PDB file of all heavy atoms in Angstrom:
ATOM      1  N   LEU A   1       0.826  -1.237  -0.073  1.00  0.00           N
ATOM      2  CA  LEU A   1       0.029  -0.021  -0.008  1.00  0.00           C
ATOM      3  C   LEU A   1       0.853   1.277  -0.028  1.00  0.00           C
ATOM      4  O   LEU A   1       1.760   1.319   0.744  1.00  0.00           O
ATOM      5  CB  LEU A   1      -0.938   0.087   1.228  1.00  0.00           C
ATOM      6  CG  LEU A   1      -2.196  -0.541   1.292  1.00  0.00           C
ATOM      7  CD1 LEU A   1      -2.044  -2.105   1.006  1.00  0.00           C
ATOM      8  CD2 LEU A   1      -2.828  -0.501   2.686  1.00  0.00           C
ATOM      9  N   ARG A   2       0.688   2.150  -0.870  1.00  0.00           N
ATOM     10  CA  ARG A   2       1.273   3.477  -0.883  1.00  0.00           C
ATOM     11  C   ARG A   2       0.347   4.535  -0.182  1.00  0.00           C
ATOM     12  O   ARG A   2      -0.754   4.626  -0.676  1.00  0.00           O
ATOM     13  CB  ARG A   2       1.661   3.911  -2.311  1.00  0.00           C
ATOM     14  CG  ARG A   2       2.531   5.164  -2.222  1.00  0.00           C
ATOM     15  CD  ARG A   2       3.347   5.352  -3.558  1.00  0.00           C
ATOM     16  NE  ARG A   2       2.377   5.752  -4.586  1.00  0.00           N
ATOM     17  CZ  ARG A   2       2.021   6.921  -5.033  1.00  0.00           C
ATOM     18  NH1 ARG A   2       2.448   7.890  -4.227  1.00  0.00           N
ATOM     19  NH2 ARG A   2       1.220   7.104  -6.004  1.00  0.00           N
ATOM     20  N   ILE A   3       0.819   5.081   0.815  1.00  0.00           N
ATOM     21  CA  ILE A   3       0.144   6.011   1.677  1.00  0.00           C
ATOM     22  C   ILE A   3       0.235   7.496   1.115  1.00  0.00           C
ATOM     23  O   ILE A   3       1.386   7.953   0.967  1.00  0.00           O
ATOM     24  CB  ILE A   3       0.459   5.904   3.103  1.00  0.00           C
ATOM     25  CG1 ILE A   3       0.248   4.424   3.569  1.00  0.00           C
ATOM     26  CG2 ILE A   3      -0.540   6.787   3.939  1.00  0.00           C
ATOM     27  CD1 ILE A   3       0.836   4.129   4.909  1.00  0.00           C
ATOM     28  N   GLY A   4      -0.821   8.226   0.988  1.00  0.00           N
ATOM     29  CA  GLY A   4      -0.728   9.633   0.769  1.00  0.00           C
ATOM     30  C   GLY A   4      -0.135  10.469   1.722  1.00  0.00           C
ATOM     31  O   GLY A   4      -0.519  10.325   3.037  1.00  0.00           O
ATOM     32  N   ASP A   5       0.724  11.451   1.389  1.00  0.00           N
ATOM     33  CA  ASP A   5       1.488  12.282   2.392  1.00  0.00           C
ATOM     34  C   ASP A   5       0.540  13.042   3.201  1.00  0.00           C
ATOM     35  O   ASP A   5       0.777  13.174   4.383  1.00  0.00           O
ATOM     36  CB  ASP A   5       2.386  13.316   1.478  1.00  0.00           C
ATOM     37  CG  ASP A   5       3.596  12.688   1.005  1.00  0.00           C
ATOM     38  OD1 ASP A   5       3.686  11.429   0.886  1.00  0.00           O
ATOM     39  OD2 ASP A   5       4.520  13.444   0.510  1.00  0.00           O
ATOM     40  N   VAL A   6      -0.540  13.574   2.643  1.00  0.00           N
ATOM     41  CA  VAL A   6      -1.410  14.433   3.349  1.00  0.00           C
ATOM     42  C   VAL A   6      -1.963  13.699   4.693  1.00  0.00           C
ATOM     43  O   VAL A   6      -2.344  14.337   5.576  1.00  0.00           O
ATOM     44  CB  VAL A   6      -2.486  15.025   2.439  1.00  0.00           C
ATOM     45  CG1 VAL A   6      -3.452  13.893   1.954  1.00  0.00           C
ATOM     46  CG2 VAL A   6      -3.300  16.069   3.128  1.00  0.00           C
ATOM     47  N   PHE A   7      -2.055  12.512   4.646  1.00  0.00           N
ATOM     48  CA  PHE A   7      -2.782  11.744   5.725  1.00  0.00           C
ATOM     49  C   PHE A   7      -1.760  11.443   6.795  1.00  0.00           C
ATOM     50  O   PHE A   7      -2.225  10.974   7.956  1.00  0.00           O
ATOM     51  CB  PHE A   7      -3.301  10.366   5.115  1.00  0.00           C
ATOM     52  CG  PHE A   7      -4.378  10.569   4.067  1.00  0.00           C
ATOM     53  CD1 PHE A   7      -4.216  10.568   2.763  1.00  0.00           C
ATOM     54  CD2 PHE A   7      -5.747  10.926   4.542  1.00  0.00           C
ATOM     55  CE1 PHE A   7      -5.177  10.759   1.812  1.00  0.00           C
ATOM     56  CE2 PHE A   7      -6.784  11.137   3.684  1.00  0.00           C
ATOM     57  CZ  PHE A   7      -6.568  10.989   2.258  1.00  0.00           C
ATOM     58  N   ILE A   8      -0.523  11.616   6.606  1.00  0.00           N
ATOM     59  CA  ILE A   8       0.409  11.240   7.652  1.00  0.00           C
ATOM     60  C   ILE A   8       1.478  12.278   8.010  1.00  0.00           C
ATOM     61  O   ILE A   8       2.239  12.207   8.883  1.00  0.00           O
ATOM     62  CB  ILE A   8       1.164   9.936   7.287  1.00  0.00           C
ATOM     63  CG1 ILE A   8       2.058  10.114   6.053  1.00  0.00           C
ATOM     64  CG2 ILE A   8       0.282   8.819   7.199  1.00  0.00           C
ATOM     65  CD1 ILE A   8       3.050   8.926   5.768  1.00  0.00           C
ATOM     66  N   ALA A   9       1.444  13.356   7.142  1.00  0.00           N
ATOM     67  CA  ALA A   9       2.600  14.407   7.350  1.00  0.00           C
ATOM     68  C   ALA A   9       2.675  14.987   8.692  1.00  0.00           C
ATOM     69  O   ALA A   9       3.790  15.287   9.121  1.00  0.00           O
ATOM     70  CB  ALA A   9       2.374  15.558   6.205  1.00  0.00           C
ATOM     71  N   ASP A  10       1.600  15.110   9.393  1.00  0.00           N
ATOM     72  CA  ASP A  10       1.641  15.696  10.605  1.00  0.00           C
ATOM     73  C   ASP A  10       1.626  14.749  11.824  1.00  0.00           C
ATOM     74  O   ASP A  10       1.609  15.015  12.993  1.00  0.00           O
ATOM     75  CB  ASP A  10       0.441  16.589  10.870  1.00  0.00           C
ATOM     76  CG  ASP A  10      -0.942  15.911  10.765  1.00  0.00           C
ATOM     77  OD1 ASP A  10      -0.866  14.813  10.341  1.00  0.00           O
ATOM     78  OD2 ASP A  10      -1.878  16.475  11.148  1.00  0.00           O
ATOM     79  N   ARG A  11       1.783  13.411  11.534  1.00  0.00           N
ATOM     80  CA  ARG A  11       1.812  12.409  12.535  1.00  0.00           C
ATOM     81  C   ARG A  11       2.900  11.268  12.259  1.00  0.00           C
ATOM     82  O   ARG A  11       2.736  10.171  12.760  1.00  0.00           O
ATOM     83  CB  ARG A  11       0.414  11.809  12.803  1.00  0.00           C
ATOM     84  CG  ARG A  11      -0.111  11.075  11.573  1.00  0.00           C
ATOM     85  CD  ARG A  11      -1.689  10.701  11.810  1.00  0.00           C
ATOM     86  NE  ARG A  11      -2.255  10.115  10.742  1.00  0.00           N
ATOM     87  CZ  ARG A  11      -2.462   8.751  10.630  1.00  0.00           C
ATOM     88  NH1 ARG A  11      -2.216   7.963  11.666  1.00  0.00           N
ATOM     89  NH2 ARG A  11      -3.045   8.364   9.572  1.00  0.00           N
ATOM     90  N   ALA A  12       3.846  11.553  11.358  1.00  0.00           N
ATOM     91  CA  ALA A  12       4.828  10.497  11.020  1.00  0.00           C
ATOM     92  C   ALA A  12       6.225  11.065  11.156  1.00  0.00           C
ATOM     93  O   ALA A  12       6.577  12.206  10.946  1.00  0.00           O
ATOM     94  CB  ALA A  12       4.669  10.175   9.607  1.00  0.00           C
ATOM     95  N   THR A  13       7.141  10.282  11.737  1.00  0.00           N
ATOM     96  CA  THR A  13       8.523  10.433  11.754  1.00  0.00           C
ATOM     97  C   THR A  13       9.352   9.397  10.955  1.00  0.00           C
ATOM     98  O   THR A  13       8.660   8.290  10.841  1.00  0.00           O
ATOM     99  CB  THR A  13       9.070  10.586  13.220  1.00  0.00           C
ATOM    100  OG1 THR A  13       8.745   9.364  13.864  1.00  0.00           O
ATOM    101  CG2 THR A  13       8.362  11.710  13.977  1.00  0.00           C
ATOM    102  N   VAL A  14      10.488   9.586  10.851  1.00  0.00           N
ATOM    103  CA  VAL A  14      11.322   8.593   9.974  1.00  0.00           C
ATOM    104  C   VAL A  14      12.603   8.337  10.753  1.00  0.00           C
ATOM    105  O   VAL A  14      13.144   9.259  11.382  1.00  0.00           O
ATOM    106  CB  VAL A  14      11.669   9.117   8.651  1.00  0.00           C
ATOM    107  CG1 VAL A  14      12.427   8.145   7.730  1.00  0.00           C
ATOM    108  CG2 VAL A  14      10.351   9.555   7.843  1.00  0.00           C
ATOM    109  N   MET A  15      13.022   7.006  10.641  1.00  0.00           N
ATOM    110  CA  MET A  15      14.273   6.643  11.404  1.00  0.00           C
ATOM    111  C   MET A  15      15.143   6.109  10.445  1.00  0.00           C
ATOM    112  O   MET A  15      14.660   5.454   9.214  1.00  0.00           O
ATOM    113  CB  MET A  15      13.941   5.626  12.349  1.00  0.00           C
ATOM    114  CG  MET A  15      15.039   5.049  13.178  1.00  0.00           C
ATOM    115  SD  MET A  15      14.537   3.846  14.434  1.00  0.00           S
ATOM    116  CE  MET A  15      13.757   4.876  15.705  1.00  0.00           C
ATOM    117  N   ARG A  16      16.415   6.136  10.546  1.00  0.00           N
ATOM    118  CA  ARG A  16      17.365   5.728   9.547  1.00  0.00           C
ATOM    119  C   ARG A  16      17.241   4.326   9.136  1.00  0.00           C
ATOM    120  O   ARG A  16      17.821   3.937   8.011  1.00  0.00           O
ATOM    121  CB  ARG A  16      18.824   5.976  10.030  1.00  0.00           C
ATOM    122  CG  ARG A  16      19.210   5.123  11.120  1.00  0.00           C
ATOM    123  CD  ARG A  16      20.576   5.505  11.819  1.00  0.00           C
ATOM    124  NE  ARG A  16      21.667   5.374  10.842  1.00  0.00           N
ATOM    125  CZ  ARG A  16      22.929   5.655  11.133  1.00  0.00           C
ATOM    126  NH1 ARG A  16      23.206   6.078  12.332  1.00  0.00           N
ATOM    127  NH2 ARG A  16      23.866   5.523  10.222  1.00  0.00           N
ATOM    128  N   GLU A  17      16.690   3.412  10.037  1.00  0.00           N
ATOM    129  CA  GLU A  17      16.607   1.969   9.673  1.00  0.00           C
ATOM    130  C   GLU A  17      15.491   1.412  10.584  1.00  0.00           C
ATOM    131  O   GLU A  17      14.795   2.054  11.283  1.00  0.00           O
ATOM    132  CB  GLU A  17      18.000   1.334  10.088  1.00  0.00           C
ATOM    133  CG  GLU A  17      18.287   1.641  11.640  1.00  0.00           C
ATOM    134  CD  GLU A  17      19.808   1.383  11.890  1.00  0.00           C
ATOM    135  OE1 GLU A  17      20.440   0.793  11.103  1.00  0.00           O
ATOM    136  OE2 GLU A  17      20.211   1.930  12.968  1.00  0.00           O
ATOM    137  N   ASN A  18      15.429   0.124  10.440  1.00  0.00           N
ATOM    138  CA  ASN A  18      14.357  -0.683  11.202  1.00  0.00           C
ATOM    139  C   ASN A  18      14.659  -0.362  12.764  1.00  0.00           C
ATOM    140  O   ASN A  18      15.763  -0.390  13.050  1.00  0.00           O
ATOM    141  CB  ASN A  18      14.496  -2.081  10.794  1.00  0.00           C
ATOM    142  CG  ASN A  18      13.710  -3.084  11.797  1.00  0.00           C
ATOM    143  OD1 ASN A  18      14.212  -3.536  12.615  1.00  0.00           O
ATOM    144  ND2 ASN A  18      12.418  -3.200  11.472  1.00  0.00           N
ATOM    145  N   ALA A  19      13.539  -0.406  13.543  1.00  0.00           N
ATOM    146  CA  ALA A  19      13.698  -0.193  14.945  1.00  0.00           C
ATOM    147  C   ALA A  19      14.546  -1.180  15.659  1.00  0.00           C
ATOM    148  O   ALA A  19      15.293  -0.855  16.537  1.00  0.00           O
ATOM    149  CB  ALA A  19      12.305  -0.080  15.615  1.00  0.00           C
ATOM    150  N   PHE A  20      14.520  -2.446  15.241  1.00  0.00           N
ATOM    151  CA  PHE A  20      15.282  -3.499  15.835  1.00  0.00           C
ATOM    152  C   PHE A  20      16.850  -3.181  15.583  1.00  0.00           C
ATOM    153  O   PHE A  20      17.675  -3.297  16.502  1.00  0.00           O
ATOM    154  CB  PHE A  20      14.955  -4.796  15.286  1.00  0.00           C
ATOM    155  CG  PHE A  20      13.815  -5.542  15.816  1.00  0.00           C
ATOM    156  CD1 PHE A  20      12.597  -5.239  15.530  1.00  0.00           C
ATOM    157  CD2 PHE A  20      14.006  -6.529  16.920  1.00  0.00           C
ATOM    158  CE1 PHE A  20      11.423  -5.820  16.092  1.00  0.00           C
ATOM    159  CE2 PHE A  20      12.907  -7.068  17.494  1.00  0.00           C
ATOM    160  CZ  PHE A  20      11.677  -6.734  17.067  1.00  0.00           C
ATOM    161  N   ALA A  21      17.154  -2.780  14.342  1.00  0.00           N
ATOM    162  CA  ALA A  21      18.613  -2.457  14.100  1.00  0.00           C
ATOM    163  C   ALA A  21      18.998  -1.190  14.783  1.00  0.00           C
ATOM    164  O   ALA A  21      20.123  -1.151  15.333  1.00  0.00           O
ATOM    165  CB  ALA A  21      18.649  -2.212  12.617  1.00  0.00           C
ATOM    166  N   PHE A  22      18.043  -0.225  14.973  1.00  0.00           N
ATOM    167  CA  PHE A  22      18.350   0.975  15.623  1.00  0.00           C
ATOM    168  C   PHE A  22      18.674   0.745  17.088  1.00  0.00           C
ATOM    169  O   PHE A  22      19.586   1.217  17.740  1.00  0.00           O
ATOM    170  CB  PHE A  22      17.251   1.958  15.457  1.00  0.00           C
ATOM    171  CG  PHE A  22      17.543   3.340  15.863  1.00  0.00           C
ATOM    172  CD1 PHE A  22      18.043   4.258  14.992  1.00  0.00           C
ATOM    173  CD2 PHE A  22      17.130   3.806  17.129  1.00  0.00           C
ATOM    174  CE1 PHE A  22      18.232   5.571  15.337  1.00  0.00           C
ATOM    175  CE2 PHE A  22      17.326   5.177  17.489  1.00  0.00           C
ATOM    176  CZ  PHE A  22      17.913   5.995  16.565  1.00  0.00           C
ATOM    177  N   TYR A  23      17.842  -0.074  17.714  1.00  0.00           N
ATOM    178  CA  TYR A  23      17.957  -0.593  19.020  1.00  0.00           C
ATOM    179  C   TYR A  23      19.275  -1.187  19.288  1.00  0.00           C
ATOM    180  O   TYR A  23      19.894  -0.948  20.211  1.00  0.00           O
ATOM    181  CB  TYR A  23      16.752  -1.463  19.447  1.00  0.00           C
ATOM    182  CG  TYR A  23      16.844  -2.086  20.719  1.00  0.00           C
ATOM    183  CD1 TYR A  23      16.163  -1.534  21.820  1.00  0.00           C
ATOM    184  CD2 TYR A  23      17.479  -3.392  20.987  1.00  0.00           C
ATOM    185  CE1 TYR A  23      16.105  -2.047  23.039  1.00  0.00           C
ATOM    186  CE2 TYR A  23      17.408  -3.960  22.278  1.00  0.00           C
ATOM    187  CZ  TYR A  23      16.712  -3.274  23.339  1.00  0.00           C
ATOM    188  OH  TYR A  23      16.824  -3.869  24.499  1.00  0.00           O
ATOM    189  N   GLU A  24      19.633  -2.097  18.412  1.00  0.00           N
ATOM    190  CA  GLU A  24      20.959  -2.852  18.563  1.00  0.00           C
ATOM    191  C   GLU A  24      22.050  -1.854  18.378  1.00  0.00           C
ATOM    192  O   GLU A  24      23.308  -2.037  18.876  1.00  0.00           O
ATOM    193  CB  GLU A  24      20.916  -4.021  17.626  1.00  0.00           C
ATOM    194  CG  GLU A  24      20.021  -5.031  18.041  1.00  0.00           C
ATOM    195  CD  GLU A  24      19.787  -6.188  16.959  1.00  0.00           C
ATOM    196  OE1 GLU A  24      20.347  -6.020  15.902  1.00  0.00           O
ATOM    197  OE2 GLU A  24      19.128  -7.153  17.231  1.00  0.00           O
ATOM    198  N   ARG A  25      22.060  -1.012  17.287  1.00  0.00           N
ATOM    199  CA  ARG A  25      23.127  -0.062  16.976  1.00  0.00           C
ATOM    200  C   ARG A  25      23.504   0.728  18.331  1.00  0.00           C
ATOM    201  O   ARG A  25      24.727   0.916  18.554  1.00  0.00           O
ATOM    202  CB  ARG A  25      22.661   0.850  15.856  1.00  0.00           C
ATOM    203  CG  ARG A  25      23.674   1.867  15.534  1.00  0.00           C
ATOM    204  CD  ARG A  25      23.191   3.056  14.675  1.00  0.00           C
ATOM    205  NE  ARG A  25      22.807   2.476  13.273  1.00  0.00           N
ATOM    206  CZ  ARG A  25      23.653   2.286  12.161  1.00  0.00           C
ATOM    207  NH1 ARG A  25      24.988   2.732  12.413  1.00  0.00           N
ATOM    208  NH2 ARG A  25      23.261   1.884  11.039  1.00  0.00           N
ATOM    209  N   TYR A  26      22.541   1.187  19.091  1.00  0.00           N
ATOM    210  CA  TYR A  26      22.795   1.998  20.212  1.00  0.00           C
ATOM    211  C   TYR A  26      22.713   1.278  21.560  1.00  0.00           C
ATOM    212  O   TYR A  26      22.824   1.928  22.556  1.00  0.00           O
ATOM    213  CB  TYR A  26      22.015   3.232  20.124  1.00  0.00           C
ATOM    214  CG  TYR A  26      22.241   4.087  18.885  1.00  0.00           C
ATOM    215  CD1 TYR A  26      21.145   4.325  17.989  1.00  0.00           C
ATOM    216  CD2 TYR A  26      23.482   4.601  18.618  1.00  0.00           C
ATOM    217  CE1 TYR A  26      21.438   5.048  16.829  1.00  0.00           C
ATOM    218  CE2 TYR A  26      23.683   5.397  17.478  1.00  0.00           C
ATOM    219  CZ  TYR A  26      22.693   5.550  16.595  1.00  0.00           C
ATOM    220  OH  TYR A  26      22.847   6.366  15.514  1.00  0.00           O
ATOM    221  N   ASP A  27      22.521  -0.087  21.438  1.00  0.00           N
ATOM    222  CA  ASP A  27      22.543  -0.911  22.638  1.00  0.00           C
ATOM    223  C   ASP A  27      21.595  -0.293  23.660  1.00  0.00           C
ATOM    224  O   ASP A  27      21.856  -0.098  24.777  1.00  0.00           O
ATOM    225  CB  ASP A  27      23.920  -1.005  23.201  1.00  0.00           C
ATOM    226  CG  ASP A  27      24.059  -2.307  24.228  1.00  0.00           C
ATOM    227  OD1 ASP A  27      23.129  -2.925  24.259  1.00  0.00           O
ATOM    228  OD2 ASP A  27      25.032  -2.286  24.944  1.00  0.00           O
ATOM    229  N   LEU A  28      20.262  -0.015  23.130  1.00  0.00           N
ATOM    230  CA  LEU A  28      19.393   0.711  23.906  1.00  0.00           C
ATOM    231  C   LEU A  28      18.740  -0.185  25.117  1.00  0.00           C
ATOM    232  O   LEU A  28      17.956   0.348  25.979  1.00  0.00           O
ATOM    233  CB  LEU A  28      18.209   1.186  23.048  1.00  0.00           C
ATOM    234  CG  LEU A  28      18.588   2.220  22.029  1.00  0.00           C
ATOM    235  CD1 LEU A  28      17.352   2.692  21.216  1.00  0.00           C
ATOM    236  CD2 LEU A  28      19.295   3.447  22.655  1.00  0.00           C
ATOM    237  N   GLY A  29      19.129  -1.423  25.178  1.00  0.00           N
ATOM    238  CA  GLY A  29      18.740  -2.191  26.362  1.00  0.00           C
ATOM    239  C   GLY A  29      19.547  -1.926  27.572  1.00  0.00           C
ATOM    240  O   GLY A  29      19.122  -2.238  28.682  1.00  0.00           O
ATOM    241  N   ARG A  30      20.600  -1.233  27.459  1.00  0.00           N
ATOM    242  CA  ARG A  30      21.367  -0.859  28.599  1.00  0.00           C
ATOM    243  C   ARG A  30      20.701   0.222  29.340  1.00  0.00           C
ATOM    244  O   ARG A  30      20.074   1.174  28.785  1.00  0.00           O
ATOM    245  CB  ARG A  30      22.816  -0.332  28.309  1.00  0.00           C
ATOM    246  CG  ARG A  30      23.677  -1.387  27.789  1.00  0.00           C
ATOM    247  CD  ARG A  30      25.194  -0.925  27.699  1.00  0.00           C
ATOM    248  NE  ARG A  30      25.329   0.570  28.042  1.00  0.00           N
ATOM    249  CZ  ARG A  30      25.587   1.475  27.081  1.00  0.00           C
ATOM    250  NH1 ARG A  30      25.668   0.999  25.821  1.00  0.00           N
ATOM    251  NH2 ARG A  30      25.771   2.714  27.260  1.00  0.00           N
ATOM    252  N   ARG A  31      20.790   0.336  30.777  1.00  0.00           N
ATOM    253  CA  ARG A  31      20.063   1.340  31.523  1.00  0.00           C
ATOM    254  C   ARG A  31      20.524   2.711  31.206  1.00  0.00           C
ATOM    255  O   ARG A  31      19.817   3.676  31.176  1.00  0.00           O
ATOM    256  CB  ARG A  31      20.314   0.974  32.986  1.00  0.00           C
ATOM    257  CG  ARG A  31      19.553   1.897  33.959  1.00  0.00           C
ATOM    258  CD  ARG A  31      19.656   1.478  35.340  1.00  0.00           C
ATOM    259  NE  ARG A  31      21.040   1.342  35.793  1.00  0.00           N
ATOM    260  CZ  ARG A  31      21.419   0.759  36.988  1.00  0.00           C
ATOM    261  NH1 ARG A  31      20.505   0.356  37.806  1.00  0.00           N
ATOM    262  NH2 ARG A  31      22.789   0.691  37.200  1.00  0.00           N
ATOM    263  N   ASP A  32      21.894   2.880  30.849  1.00  0.00           N
ATOM    264  CA  ASP A  32      22.411   4.253  30.626  1.00  0.00           C
ATOM    265  C   ASP A  32      22.533   4.600  29.168  1.00  0.00           C
ATOM    266  O   ASP A  32      23.265   5.452  28.763  1.00  0.00           O
ATOM    267  CB  ASP A  32      23.834   4.367  31.375  1.00  0.00           C
ATOM    268  CG  ASP A  32      24.767   3.271  30.849  1.00  0.00           C
ATOM    269  OD1 ASP A  32      24.276   2.392  30.154  1.00  0.00           O
ATOM    270  OD2 ASP A  32      25.992   3.524  31.007  1.00  0.00           O
ATOM    271  N   ALA A  33      21.964   3.686  28.345  1.00  0.00           N
ATOM    272  CA  ALA A  33      22.120   3.822  26.777  1.00  0.00           C
ATOM    273  C   ALA A  33      21.377   5.118  26.278  1.00  0.00           C
ATOM    274  O   ALA A  33      20.403   5.502  26.795  1.00  0.00           O
ATOM    275  CB  ALA A  33      21.649   2.619  26.162  1.00  0.00           C
ATOM    276  N   GLN A  34      22.062   5.762  25.378  1.00  0.00           N
ATOM    277  CA  GLN A  34      21.461   6.839  24.702  1.00  0.00           C
ATOM    278  C   GLN A  34      21.771   6.770  23.151  1.00  0.00           C
ATOM    279  O   GLN A  34      22.860   6.493  22.725  1.00  0.00           O
ATOM    280  CB  GLN A  34      22.016   8.252  25.233  1.00  0.00           C
ATOM    281  CG  GLN A  34      21.690   8.589  26.665  1.00  0.00           C
ATOM    282  CD  GLN A  34      22.184   9.892  27.043  1.00  0.00           C
ATOM    283  OE1 GLN A  34      23.116  10.388  26.473  1.00  0.00           O
ATOM    284  NE2 GLN A  34      21.392  10.558  27.934  1.00  0.00           N
ATOM    285  N   GLU A  35      20.713   7.047  22.381  1.00  0.00           N
ATOM    286  CA  GLU A  35      20.989   7.091  20.915  1.00  0.00           C
ATOM    287  C   GLU A  35      21.758   8.243  20.516  1.00  0.00           C
ATOM    288  O   GLU A  35      21.742   9.323  21.247  1.00  0.00           O
ATOM    289  CB  GLU A  35      19.673   6.962  20.172  1.00  0.00           C
ATOM    290  CG  GLU A  35      18.863   8.214  20.358  1.00  0.00           C
ATOM    291  CD  GLU A  35      17.439   8.104  19.621  1.00  0.00           C
ATOM    292  OE1 GLU A  35      16.578   7.410  20.134  1.00  0.00           O
ATOM    293  OE2 GLU A  35      17.293   8.690  18.559  1.00  0.00           O
ATOM    294  N   VAL A  36      22.518   8.201  19.462  1.00  0.00           N
ATOM    295  CA  VAL A  36      23.138   9.323  18.916  1.00  0.00           C
ATOM    296  C   VAL A  36      22.139  10.128  18.206  1.00  0.00           C
ATOM    297  O   VAL A  36      21.417   9.680  17.291  1.00  0.00           O
ATOM    298  CB  VAL A  36      24.246   8.923  17.976  1.00  0.00           C
ATOM    299  CG1 VAL A  36      24.800  10.089  17.288  1.00  0.00           C
ATOM    300  CG2 VAL A  36      25.327   8.148  18.716  1.00  0.00           C
ATOM    301  N   PRO A  37      21.982  11.437  18.565  1.00  0.00           N
ATOM    302  CA  PRO A  37      20.852  12.310  17.994  1.00  0.00           C
ATOM    303  C   PRO A  37      21.244  12.570  16.461  1.00  0.00           C
ATOM    304  O   PRO A  37      22.270  12.507  16.012  1.00  0.00           O
ATOM    305  CB  PRO A  37      20.938  13.533  18.815  1.00  0.00           C
ATOM    306  CG  PRO A  37      22.443  13.569  19.290  1.00  0.00           C
ATOM    307  CD  PRO A  37      22.757  12.223  19.550  1.00  0.00           C
ATOM    308  N   GLY A  38      20.087  12.869  15.758  1.00  0.00           N
ATOM    309  CA  GLY A  38      20.204  13.375  14.444  1.00  0.00           C
ATOM    310  C   GLY A  38      19.861  12.272  13.401  1.00  0.00           C
ATOM    311  O   GLY A  38      20.027  12.498  12.203  1.00  0.00           O
TER     312      GLY A  38
END
């Protein structure tokens, strides 16, 4: 399904990759973990 921009433009964000990969990249399971911003 291709979604029209107008229906999500004000409620969508984009991440560089899949959330699982993002989680592992920054080791977000650690208590003191922080993702690199940007």
